[in-house]
Amino acid sequence: MTTLIELIEHSAARLDQAGVAFGHGTANAFDEAAWLALWKLGLPLDDLDGHADDDLAPDQVRGVEALVEQRIATRKPAAYLTGEAWLQGVPFHVDERAIVPRSFIAELLADGTLDPWLGEHTRRVLDLCTGNGSLAVLAAMAYPDVTVDGADLSAEALEVARLNVERHGLQERIRLLRSDGLQSVEGSYDLILCNPPYVNSTSMAELPPEYRAEPELALAGGADGMDFVRALLQVAPARMSPQAVLVLEIGNERPNFERAFPRLEAVWLDTSAGADQVLLLTREALVRQSPSSP
């Protein structure tokens, strides 16, 4: 008989040997193999230790091995194969219509990092570039007294977001809008969350197949990754209340951000990936130092 842990270790070796890329919910072959195996076997994704020594029937082994081979052959992120991704312990439906959710902003919503900038005035929240709606859902969960708009240019992504809003019973508090940036949103917001397309063109050309399986619209940010951000920061103050803040994720593009906006006062926020992935901008800072390229 083969135990679950033996199957996972064998599967991890296959993934490593095949040279697949990670970063869509896991960071290494073992975690990816564990995710695929536990999901395929219908076991809790957070209880590997409780089932590690389970003996598996031959058909169970074959099922997991087939899924691992599919992961290798297609180079699709595991989340697209399982139809599910998790952020901060919350499950979300995901498929090829939307980027796989992995924003570090989710950590900041969960751990209270943003709370010093929020208060009784925080009533309207915008999740711009909402994708599958995960940050909109997490924001609604974190702040029970707010209403949330989730906006995206992609009609297909919004279809996925709608599934997640309904899945978590938040239809009364989350409104989904199709909008190119801020063009079609209305009124002012007290908190804007944005995980925009920010990958620069050089990095886009070097992306592994797993990332190319995602909608390019959600990734590509132009030559220096700042195309969407430039347009956003020019118009954002008009959609921000006086005490509002904008929380912006830019991945590994901090040098490009600082070159593009050298006079803009940003607060860099600590995440599990360091303090150069996510920044916070007050409306006052945006107005005072009109962002522009040098």
C-alpha atoms as a PDB file:
ATOM      1  CA  MET A   1       0.000   0.000   0.000  1.00  0.00           C
ATOM      2  CA  THR A   2       1.011   3.583  -0.607  1.00  0.00           C
ATOM      3  CA  THR A   3       0.498   6.164   2.124  1.00  0.00           C
ATOM      4  CA  LEU A   4      -0.587   9.710   1.448  1.00  0.00           C
ATOM      5  CA  ILE A   5       2.735  11.194   2.504  1.00  0.00           C
ATOM      6  CA  GLU A   6       4.602   8.794   0.237  1.00  0.00           C
ATOM      7  CA  LEU A   7       2.407   9.767  -2.682  1.00  0.00           C
ATOM      8  CA  ILE A   8       2.924  13.467  -1.978  1.00  0.00           C
ATOM      9  CA  GLU A   9       6.687  13.089  -1.772  1.00  0.00           C
ATOM     10  CA  HIS A  10       6.725  11.139  -5.045  1.00  0.00           C
ATOM     11  CA  SER A  11       4.497  13.750  -6.686  1.00  0.00           C
ATOM     12  CA  ALA A  12       6.692  16.582  -5.427  1.00  0.00           C
ATOM     13  CA  ALA A  13       9.710  14.907  -6.997  1.00  0.00           C
ATOM     14  CA  ARG A  14       7.833  14.672 -10.307  1.00  0.00           C
ATOM     15  CA  LEU A  15       6.929  18.368 -10.175  1.00  0.00           C
ATOM     16  CA  ASP A  16      10.518  19.332  -9.401  1.00  0.00           C
ATOM     17  CA  GLN A  17      11.851  17.089 -12.149  1.00  0.00           C
ATOM     18  CA  ALA A  18       9.447  18.674 -14.650  1.00  0.00           C
ATOM     19  CA  GLY A  19      10.522  22.177 -13.692  1.00  0.00           C
ATOM     20  CA  VAL A  20       7.055  23.597 -13.164  1.00  0.00           C
ATOM     21  CA  ALA A  21       6.765  27.114 -11.739  1.00  0.00           C
ATOM     22  CA  PHE A  22       5.043  27.972  -8.478  1.00  0.00           C
ATOM     23  CA  GLY A  23       3.627  31.162  -6.994  1.00  0.00           C
ATOM     24  CA  HIS A  24      -0.130  30.710  -7.375  1.00  0.00           C
ATOM     25  CA  GLY A  25      -0.844  29.733  -3.794  1.00  0.00           C
ATOM     26  CA  THR A  26       2.205  27.601  -3.097  1.00  0.00           C
ATOM     27  CA  ALA A  27       5.930  28.316  -3.199  1.00  0.00           C
ATOM     28  CA  ASN A  28       7.420  24.846  -3.626  1.00  0.00           C
ATOM     29  CA  ALA A  29       6.824  21.398  -5.074  1.00  0.00           C
ATOM     30  CA  PHE A  30       5.903  19.710  -1.793  1.00  0.00           C
ATOM     31  CA  ASP A  31       3.148  22.199  -0.944  1.00  0.00           C
ATOM     32  CA  GLU A  32       1.825  22.032  -4.497  1.00  0.00           C
ATOM     33  CA  ALA A  33       1.763  18.229  -4.449  1.00  0.00           C
ATOM     34  CA  ALA A  34       0.026  18.239  -1.068  1.00  0.00           C
ATOM     35  CA  TRP A  35      -2.632  20.658  -2.354  1.00  0.00           C
ATOM     36  CA  LEU A  36      -3.341  18.561  -5.441  1.00  0.00           C
ATOM     37  CA  ALA A  37      -3.422  15.285  -3.520  1.00  0.00           C
ATOM     38  CA  LEU A  38      -5.616  16.488  -0.664  1.00  0.00           C
ATOM     39  CA  TRP A  39      -8.032  18.156  -3.070  1.00  0.00           C
ATOM     40  CA  LYS A  40      -8.269  15.112  -5.329  1.00  0.00           C
ATOM     41  CA  LEU A  41      -8.883  12.816  -2.376  1.00  0.00           C
ATOM     42  CA  GLY A  42     -11.490  15.128  -0.837  1.00  0.00           C
ATOM     43  CA  LEU A  43      -9.478  15.617   2.331  1.00  0.00           C
ATOM     44  CA  PRO A  44      -9.175  18.884   4.331  1.00  0.00           C
ATOM     45  CA  LEU A  45      -6.476  21.040   2.783  1.00  0.00           C
ATOM     46  CA  ASP A  46      -5.294  22.141   6.235  1.00  0.00           C
ATOM     47  CA  ASP A  47      -4.952  18.700   7.793  1.00  0.00           C
ATOM     48  CA  LEU A  48      -2.121  16.886   6.047  1.00  0.00           C
ATOM     49  CA  ASP A  49      -0.682  15.785   9.394  1.00  0.00           C
ATOM     50  CA  GLY A  50      -3.945  14.093  10.303  1.00  0.00           C
ATOM     51  CA  HIS A  51      -3.959  11.993   7.129  1.00  0.00           C
ATOM     52  CA  ALA A  52      -0.271  11.640   6.232  1.00  0.00           C
ATOM     53  CA  ASP A  53      -0.152   7.952   7.127  1.00  0.00           C
ATOM     54  CA  ASP A  54      -3.465   7.015   5.507  1.00  0.00           C
ATOM     55  CA  ASP A  55      -3.190   4.007   3.207  1.00  0.00           C
ATOM     56  CA  LEU A  56      -4.498   4.762  -0.267  1.00  0.00           C
ATOM     57  CA  ALA A  57      -6.267   2.413  -2.638  1.00  0.00           C
ATOM     58  CA  PRO A  58      -4.715   1.951  -6.092  1.00  0.00           C
ATOM     59  CA  ASP A  59      -7.440   3.980  -7.795  1.00  0.00           C
ATOM     60  CA  GLN A  60      -6.831   6.878  -5.390  1.00  0.00           C
ATOM     61  CA  VAL A  61      -3.144   6.807  -6.215  1.00  0.00           C
ATOM     62  CA  ARG A  62      -3.865   6.773  -9.928  1.00  0.00           C
ATOM     63  CA  GLY A  63      -6.261   9.695  -9.602  1.00  0.00           C
ATOM     64  CA  VAL A  64      -3.693  11.877  -7.858  1.00  0.00           C
ATOM     65  CA  GLU A  65      -0.945  10.849 -10.257  1.00  0.00           C
ATOM     66  CA  ALA A  66      -3.148  11.756 -13.217  1.00  0.00           C
ATOM     67  CA  LEU A  67      -3.834  15.193 -11.751  1.00  0.00           C
ATOM     68  CA  VAL A  68      -0.132  15.786 -11.157  1.00  0.00           C
ATOM     69  CA  GLU A  69       0.618  14.751 -14.729  1.00  0.00           C
ATOM     70  CA  GLN A  70      -2.084  17.168 -15.927  1.00  0.00           C
ATOM     71  CA  ARG A  71      -0.393  19.929 -13.930  1.00  0.00           C
ATOM     72  CA  ILE A  72       2.899  19.136 -15.638  1.00  0.00           C
ATOM     73  CA  ALA A  73       1.501  18.705 -19.138  1.00  0.00           C
ATOM     74  CA  THR A  74      -0.684  21.816 -19.203  1.00  0.00           C
ATOM     75  CA  ARG A  75       1.473  24.095 -17.020  1.00  0.00           C
ATOM     76  CA  LYS A  76      -1.762  25.565 -15.710  1.00  0.00           C
ATOM     77  CA  PRO A  77      -1.728  26.815 -12.119  1.00  0.00           C
ATOM     78  CA  ALA A  78      -3.103  24.241  -9.698  1.00  0.00           C
ATOM     79  CA  ALA A  79      -5.954  26.607  -8.844  1.00  0.00           C
ATOM     80  CA  TYR A  80      -7.265  26.357 -12.402  1.00  0.00           C
ATOM     81  CA  LEU A  81      -7.214  22.561 -12.167  1.00  0.00           C
ATOM     82  CA  THR A  82      -9.000  22.450  -8.813  1.00  0.00           C
ATOM     83  CA  GLY A  83     -11.276  25.437  -9.462  1.00  0.00           C
ATOM     84  CA  GLU A  84     -10.507  26.873  -6.060  1.00  0.00           C
ATOM     85  CA  ALA A  85      -7.998  29.137  -4.356  1.00  0.00           C
ATOM     86  CA  TRP A  86      -7.690  30.306  -0.765  1.00  0.00           C
ATOM     87  CA  LEU A  87      -6.773  33.696   0.692  1.00  0.00           C
ATOM     88  CA  GLN A  88      -6.486  34.120   4.459  1.00  0.00           C
ATOM     89  CA  GLY A  89      -8.281  30.814   4.934  1.00  0.00           C
ATOM     90  CA  VAL A  90     -11.254  31.886   2.807  1.00  0.00           C
ATOM     91  CA  PRO A  91     -12.108  29.764  -0.261  1.00  0.00           C
ATOM     92  CA  PHE A  92     -12.774  31.339  -3.649  1.00  0.00           C
ATOM     93  CA  HIS A  93     -13.855  29.942  -6.997  1.00  0.00           C
ATOM     94  CA  VAL A  94     -11.315  30.620  -9.719  1.00  0.00           C
ATOM     95  CA  ASP A  95     -10.967  29.723 -13.374  1.00  0.00           C
ATOM     96  CA  GLU A  96      -9.200  30.981 -16.482  1.00  0.00           C
ATOM     97  CA  ARG A  97     -11.516  33.998 -16.750  1.00  0.00           C
ATOM     98  CA  ALA A  98      -9.714  35.695 -13.848  1.00  0.00           C
ATOM     99  CA  ILE A  99      -6.231  35.865 -12.398  1.00  0.00           C
ATOM    100  CA  VAL A 100      -5.464  33.442  -9.562  1.00  0.00           C
ATOM    101  CA  PRO A 101      -5.896  35.508  -6.351  1.00  0.00           C
ATOM    102  CA  ARG A 102      -2.687  35.966  -4.371  1.00  0.00           C
ATOM    103  CA  SER A 103      -2.641  39.622  -3.339  1.00  0.00           C
ATOM    104  CA  PHE A 104      -0.643  40.636  -0.273  1.00  0.00           C
ATOM    105  CA  ILE A 105      -3.379  43.180   0.404  1.00  0.00           C
ATOM    106  CA  ALA A 106      -5.342  40.221   1.795  1.00  0.00           C
ATOM    107  CA  GLU A 107      -2.842  39.996   4.656  1.00  0.00           C
ATOM    108  CA  LEU A 108      -3.268  43.688   5.464  1.00  0.00           C
ATOM    109  CA  LEU A 109      -7.046  43.334   5.602  1.00  0.00           C
ATOM    110  CA  ALA A 110      -6.764  40.375   7.955  1.00  0.00           C
ATOM    111  CA  ASP A 111      -4.074  41.616  10.359  1.00  0.00           C
ATOM    112  CA  GLY A 112      -5.345  45.149  10.976  1.00  0.00           C
ATOM    113  CA  THR A 113      -2.411  46.936   9.332  1.00  0.00           C
ATOM    114  CA  LEU A 114      -4.775  49.374   7.613  1.00  0.00           C
ATOM    115  CA  ASP A 115      -6.797  50.184  10.719  1.00  0.00           C
ATOM    116  CA  PRO A 116      -4.815  53.322  11.746  1.00  0.00           C
ATOM    117  CA  TRP A 117      -5.954  55.003   8.530  1.00  0.00           C
ATOM    118  CA  LEU A 118      -9.581  53.957   8.915  1.00  0.00           C
ATOM    119  CA  GLY A 119     -12.340  54.956  11.300  1.00  0.00           C
ATOM    120  CA  GLU A 120     -15.981  55.912  11.638  1.00  0.00           C
ATOM    121  CA  HIS A 121     -15.678  57.778   8.363  1.00  0.00           C
ATOM    122  CA  THR A 122     -14.836  54.563   6.503  1.00  0.00           C
ATOM    123  CA  ARG A 123     -18.102  53.603   4.855  1.00  0.00           C
ATOM    124  CA  ARG A 124     -17.442  53.057   1.155  1.00  0.00           C
ATOM    125  CA  VAL A 125     -14.686  50.770  -0.116  1.00  0.00           C
ATOM    126  CA  LEU A 126     -13.602  50.185  -3.707  1.00  0.00           C
ATOM    127  CA  ASP A 127     -11.724  47.093  -4.835  1.00  0.00           C
ATOM    128  CA  LEU A 128     -10.356  48.232  -8.194  1.00  0.00           C
ATOM    129  CA  CYS A 129      -9.196  45.493 -10.586  1.00  0.00           C
ATOM    130  CA  THR A 130     -11.228  43.094  -8.475  1.00  0.00           C
ATOM    131  CA  GLY A 131     -10.625  40.014 -10.647  1.00  0.00           C
ATOM    132  CA  ASN A 132     -12.408  37.133  -8.989  1.00  0.00           C
ATOM    133  CA  GLY A 133     -13.657  39.416  -6.234  1.00  0.00           C
ATOM    134  CA  SER A 134     -11.532  38.007  -3.436  1.00  0.00           C
ATOM    135  CA  LEU A 135     -10.331  41.319  -1.982  1.00  0.00           C
ATOM    136  CA  ALA A 136     -13.841  42.751  -2.158  1.00  0.00           C
ATOM    137  CA  VAL A 137     -15.114  39.768  -0.185  1.00  0.00           C
ATOM    138  CA  LEU A 138     -12.290  39.946   2.363  1.00  0.00           C
ATOM    139  CA  ALA A 139     -12.832  43.687   2.816  1.00  0.00           C
ATOM    140  CA  ALA A 140     -16.535  43.132   3.451  1.00  0.00           C
ATOM    141  CA  MET A 141     -15.678  40.437   5.985  1.00  0.00           C
ATOM    142  CA  ALA A 142     -13.047  42.573   7.711  1.00  0.00           C
ATOM    143  CA  TYR A 143     -15.237  45.679   7.967  1.00  0.00           C
ATOM    144  CA  PRO A 144     -18.860  44.658   8.646  1.00  0.00           C
ATOM    145  CA  ASP A 145     -20.176  48.241   8.500  1.00  0.00           C
ATOM    146  CA  VAL A 146     -18.937  49.125   5.004  1.00  0.00           C
ATOM    147  CA  THR A 147     -20.294  48.646   1.529  1.00  0.00           C
ATOM    148  CA  VAL A 148     -17.903  47.535  -1.190  1.00  0.00           C
ATOM    149  CA  ASP A 149     -17.757  48.113  -4.924  1.00  0.00           C
ATOM    150  CA  GLY A 150     -15.703  45.664  -6.948  1.00  0.00           C
ATOM    151  CA  ALA A 151     -14.712  47.061 -10.338  1.00  0.00           C
ATOM    152  CA  ASP A 152     -12.942  45.474 -13.278  1.00  0.00           C
ATOM    153  CA  LEU A 153     -12.607  46.057 -17.003  1.00  0.00           C
ATOM    154  CA  SER A 154     -13.098  42.358 -17.743  1.00  0.00           C
ATOM    155  CA  ALA A 155     -16.717  41.231 -17.986  1.00  0.00           C
ATOM    156  CA  GLU A 156     -15.527  37.622 -17.700  1.00  0.00           C
ATOM    157  CA  ALA A 157     -13.653  38.311 -14.476  1.00  0.00           C
ATOM    158  CA  LEU A 158     -16.752  39.957 -13.050  1.00  0.00           C
ATOM    159  CA  GLU A 159     -18.721  36.781 -13.788  1.00  0.00           C
ATOM    160  CA  VAL A 160     -16.277  34.902 -11.561  1.00  0.00           C
ATOM    161  CA  ALA A 161     -16.457  37.632  -8.925  1.00  0.00           C
ATOM    162  CA  ARG A 162     -20.238  37.312  -8.864  1.00  0.00           C
ATOM    163  CA  LEU A 163     -19.892  33.611  -8.055  1.00  0.00           C
ATOM    164  CA  ASN A 164     -17.725  34.464  -5.066  1.00  0.00           C
ATOM    165  CA  VAL A 165     -19.928  37.265  -3.801  1.00  0.00           C
ATOM    166  CA  GLU A 166     -22.871  34.863  -3.888  1.00  0.00           C
ATOM    167  CA  ARG A 167     -20.825  32.039  -2.395  1.00  0.00           C
ATOM    168  CA  HIS A 168     -20.182  34.142   0.694  1.00  0.00           C
ATOM    169  CA  GLY A 169     -23.661  35.661   0.847  1.00  0.00           C
ATOM    170  CA  LEU A 170     -22.514  39.244   0.396  1.00  0.00           C
ATOM    171  CA  GLN A 171     -24.833  40.348  -2.418  1.00  0.00           C
ATOM    172  CA  GLU A 172     -26.370  43.053  -0.203  1.00  0.00           C
ATOM    173  CA  ARG A 173     -23.015  44.662   0.579  1.00  0.00           C
ATOM    174  CA  ILE A 174     -20.902  44.149  -2.544  1.00  0.00           C
ATOM    175  CA  ARG A 175     -21.757  45.721  -5.875  1.00  0.00           C
ATOM    176  CA  LEU A 176     -19.855  44.680  -9.009  1.00  0.00           C
ATOM    177  CA  LEU A 177     -19.142  47.244 -11.719  1.00  0.00           C
ATOM    178  CA  ARG A 178     -17.542  47.063 -15.119  1.00  0.00           C
ATOM    179  CA  SER A 179     -15.118  49.950 -15.326  1.00  0.00           C
ATOM    180  CA  ASP A 180     -11.899  50.883 -17.116  1.00  0.00           C
ATOM    181  CA  GLY A 181     -10.001  52.128 -14.113  1.00  0.00           C
ATOM    182  CA  LEU A 182     -12.156  54.705 -12.329  1.00  0.00           C
ATOM    183  CA  GLN A 183     -14.089  55.797 -15.424  1.00  0.00           C
ATOM    184  CA  SER A 184     -17.412  54.172 -14.554  1.00  0.00           C
ATOM    185  CA  VAL A 185     -17.429  54.344 -10.761  1.00  0.00           C
ATOM    186  CA  GLU A 186     -19.526  56.961  -8.993  1.00  0.00           C
ATOM    187  CA  GLY A 187     -19.140  59.071  -5.887  1.00  0.00           C
ATOM    188  CA  SER A 188     -16.209  59.061  -3.508  1.00  0.00           C
ATOM    189  CA  TYR A 189     -14.625  56.244  -1.532  1.00  0.00           C
ATOM    190  CA  ASP A 190     -13.012  56.162   1.888  1.00  0.00           C
ATOM    191  CA  LEU A 191     -10.713  53.247   1.048  1.00  0.00           C
ATOM    192  CA  ILE A 192      -9.532  52.127  -2.365  1.00  0.00           C
ATOM    193  CA  LEU A 193      -7.779  48.778  -2.739  1.00  0.00           C
ATOM    194  CA  CYS A 194      -6.021  48.080  -6.011  1.00  0.00           C
ATOM    195  CA  ASN A 195      -3.933  45.159  -7.229  1.00  0.00           C
ATOM    196  CA  PRO A 196      -3.496  46.390 -10.816  1.00  0.00           C
ATOM    197  CA  PRO A 197      -1.644  45.052 -13.839  1.00  0.00           C
ATOM    198  CA  TYR A 198       1.932  46.045 -13.013  1.00  0.00           C
ATOM    199  CA  VAL A 199       4.323  43.560 -14.659  1.00  0.00           C
ATOM    200  CA  ASN A 200       6.829  45.395 -16.854  1.00  0.00           C
ATOM    201  CA  SER A 201       7.290  44.338 -20.472  1.00  0.00           C
ATOM    202  CA  THR A 202      10.698  42.711 -19.915  1.00  0.00           C
ATOM    203  CA  SER A 203       9.315  40.575 -17.093  1.00  0.00           C
ATOM    204  CA  MET A 204       6.197  39.749 -19.128  1.00  0.00           C
ATOM    205  CA  ALA A 205       8.390  38.300 -21.871  1.00  0.00           C
ATOM    206  CA  GLU A 206      10.117  36.059 -19.325  1.00  0.00           C
ATOM    207  CA  LEU A 207       7.046  34.768 -17.494  1.00  0.00           C
ATOM    208  CA  PRO A 208       6.769  30.977 -17.181  1.00  0.00           C
ATOM    209  CA  PRO A 209       3.766  29.224 -18.756  1.00  0.00           C
ATOM    210  CA  GLU A 210       1.846  29.127 -15.464  1.00  0.00           C
ATOM    211  CA  TYR A 211       1.578  32.919 -15.518  1.00  0.00           C
ATOM    212  CA  ARG A 212       0.880  33.060 -19.232  1.00  0.00           C
ATOM    213  CA  ALA A 213      -2.158  30.871 -18.547  1.00  0.00           C
ATOM    214  CA  GLU A 214      -3.694  33.866 -16.760  1.00  0.00           C
ATOM    215  CA  PRO A 215      -5.437  36.773 -18.506  1.00  0.00           C
ATOM    216  CA  GLU A 216      -2.724  39.103 -19.819  1.00  0.00           C
ATOM    217  CA  LEU A 217      -5.027  42.035 -19.140  1.00  0.00           C
ATOM    218  CA  ALA A 218      -4.570  41.420 -15.413  1.00  0.00           C
ATOM    219  CA  LEU A 219      -0.770  41.326 -15.574  1.00  0.00           C
ATOM    220  CA  ALA A 220       0.785  43.559 -18.237  1.00  0.00           C
ATOM    221  CA  GLY A 221       1.587  47.090 -17.065  1.00  0.00           C
ATOM    222  CA  GLY A 222       3.513  48.450 -20.039  1.00  0.00           C
ATOM    223  CA  ALA A 223       7.219  49.148 -20.478  1.00  0.00           C
ATOM    224  CA  ASP A 224       7.919  49.916 -16.808  1.00  0.00           C
ATOM    225  CA  GLY A 225       4.771  48.358 -15.343  1.00  0.00           C
ATOM    226  CA  MET A 226       3.340  51.732 -14.406  1.00  0.00           C
ATOM    227  CA  ASP A 227       0.876  52.444 -17.251  1.00  0.00           C
ATOM    228  CA  PHE A 228      -2.273  51.668 -15.237  1.00  0.00           C
ATOM    229  CA  VAL A 229      -0.845  53.248 -12.097  1.00  0.00           C
ATOM    230  CA  ARG A 230      -0.043  56.530 -13.868  1.00  0.00           C
ATOM    231  CA  ALA A 231      -3.594  56.845 -15.133  1.00  0.00           C
ATOM    232  CA  LEU A 232      -5.039  55.871 -11.749  1.00  0.00           C
ATOM    233  CA  LEU A 233      -3.068  58.322  -9.638  1.00  0.00           C
ATOM    234  CA  GLN A 234      -3.949  61.233 -11.885  1.00  0.00           C
ATOM    235  CA  VAL A 235      -7.682  60.796 -11.292  1.00  0.00           C
ATOM    236  CA  ALA A 236      -7.858  59.029  -7.938  1.00  0.00           C
ATOM    237  CA  PRO A 237      -8.283  62.147  -5.728  1.00  0.00           C
ATOM    238  CA  ALA A 238     -11.571  62.938  -7.471  1.00  0.00           C
ATOM    239  CA  ARG A 239     -12.923  59.600  -6.258  1.00  0.00           C
ATOM    240  CA  MET A 240     -11.520  59.817  -2.716  1.00  0.00           C
ATOM    241  CA  SER A 241     -13.163  61.373   0.331  1.00  0.00           C
ATOM    242  CA  PRO A 242     -11.027  63.871   2.316  1.00  0.00           C
ATOM    243  CA  GLN A 243      -9.615  61.230   4.695  1.00  0.00           C
ATOM    244  CA  ALA A 244      -9.433  58.437   2.128  1.00  0.00           C
ATOM    245  CA  VAL A 245      -6.422  56.242   1.453  1.00  0.00           C
ATOM    246  CA  LEU A 246      -5.406  54.212  -1.581  1.00  0.00           C
ATOM    247  CA  VAL A 247      -3.693  50.852  -0.982  1.00  0.00           C
ATOM    248  CA  LEU A 248      -1.752  49.795  -4.046  1.00  0.00           C
ATOM    249  CA  GLU A 249       0.100  46.568  -4.776  1.00  0.00           C
ATOM    250  CA  ILE A 250       2.998  46.769  -7.230  1.00  0.00           C
ATOM    251  CA  GLY A 251       4.855  43.495  -6.741  1.00  0.00           C
ATOM    252  CA  ASN A 252       8.532  43.759  -7.557  1.00  0.00           C
ATOM    253  CA  GLU A 253       8.178  47.119  -9.298  1.00  0.00           C
ATOM    254  CA  ARG A 254       9.145  49.459  -6.441  1.00  0.00           C
ATOM    255  CA  PRO A 255      12.165  50.873  -8.331  1.00  0.00           C
ATOM    256  CA  ASN A 256       9.973  51.628 -11.344  1.00  0.00           C
ATOM    257  CA  PHE A 257       7.307  53.171  -9.105  1.00  0.00           C
ATOM    258  CA  GLU A 258       9.812  55.461  -7.418  1.00  0.00           C
ATOM    259  CA  ARG A 259      11.287  56.508 -10.749  1.00  0.00           C
ATOM    260  CA  ALA A 260       7.813  57.255 -12.094  1.00  0.00           C
ATOM    261  CA  PHE A 261       6.662  59.167  -8.994  1.00  0.00           C
ATOM    262  CA  PRO A 262       9.790  60.586  -7.318  1.00  0.00           C
ATOM    263  CA  ARG A 263       7.945  63.315  -5.417  1.00  0.00           C
ATOM    264  CA  LEU A 264       5.055  61.240  -4.142  1.00  0.00           C
ATOM    265  CA  GLU A 265       5.016  60.500  -0.420  1.00  0.00           C
ATOM    266  CA  ALA A 266       4.161  56.821  -0.021  1.00  0.00           C
ATOM    267  CA  VAL A 267       3.869  54.654   3.085  1.00  0.00           C
ATOM    268  CA  TRP A 268       5.331  51.213   2.391  1.00  0.00           C
ATOM    269  CA  LEU A 269       3.519  48.462   4.271  1.00  0.00           C
ATOM    270  CA  ASP A 270       5.037  45.300   5.706  1.00  0.00           C
ATOM    271  CA  THR A 271       3.824  41.999   4.248  1.00  0.00           C
ATOM    272  CA  SER A 272       5.108  38.443   4.350  1.00  0.00           C
ATOM    273  CA  ALA A 273       7.124  39.313   1.236  1.00  0.00           C
ATOM    274  CA  GLY A 274       8.742  42.388   2.770  1.00  0.00           C
ATOM    275  CA  ALA A 275       8.017  46.115   2.696  1.00  0.00           C
ATOM    276  CA  ASP A 276       8.297  46.805  -1.016  1.00  0.00           C
ATOM    277  CA  GLN A 277       5.205  45.073  -2.430  1.00  0.00           C
ATOM    278  CA  VAL A 278       2.326  47.234  -1.179  1.00  0.00           C
ATOM    279  CA  LEU A 279       2.125  50.971  -0.516  1.00  0.00           C
ATOM    280  CA  LEU A 280      -0.434  53.347   0.928  1.00  0.00           C
ATOM    281  CA  LEU A 281      -1.205  56.818  -0.425  1.00  0.00           C
ATOM    282  CA  THR A 282      -3.358  59.400   1.312  1.00  0.00           C
ATOM    283  CA  ARG A 283      -5.554  61.700  -0.718  1.00  0.00           C
ATOM    284  CA  GLU A 284      -3.637  64.592   0.798  1.00  0.00           C
ATOM    285  CA  ALA A 285      -0.353  63.230  -0.530  1.00  0.00           C
ATOM    286  CA  LEU A 286      -1.806  62.740  -3.999  1.00  0.00           C
ATOM    287  CA  VAL A 287      -3.173  66.266  -4.101  1.00  0.00           C
ATOM    288  CA  ARG A 288      -0.097  67.890  -2.564  1.00  0.00           C
ATOM    289  CA  GLN A 289       2.402  66.193  -4.824  1.00  0.00           C
ATOM    290  CA  SER A 290       0.658  65.762  -8.128  1.00  0.00           C
ATOM    291  CA  PRO A 291       2.221  62.515  -9.412  1.00  0.00           C
ATOM    292  CA  SER A 292       3.940  62.767 -12.728  1.00  0.00           C
ATOM    293  CA  SER A 293       6.888  61.344 -14.520  1.00  0.00           C
ATOM    294  CA  PRO A 294      10.141  63.239 -14.064  1.00  0.00           C
END
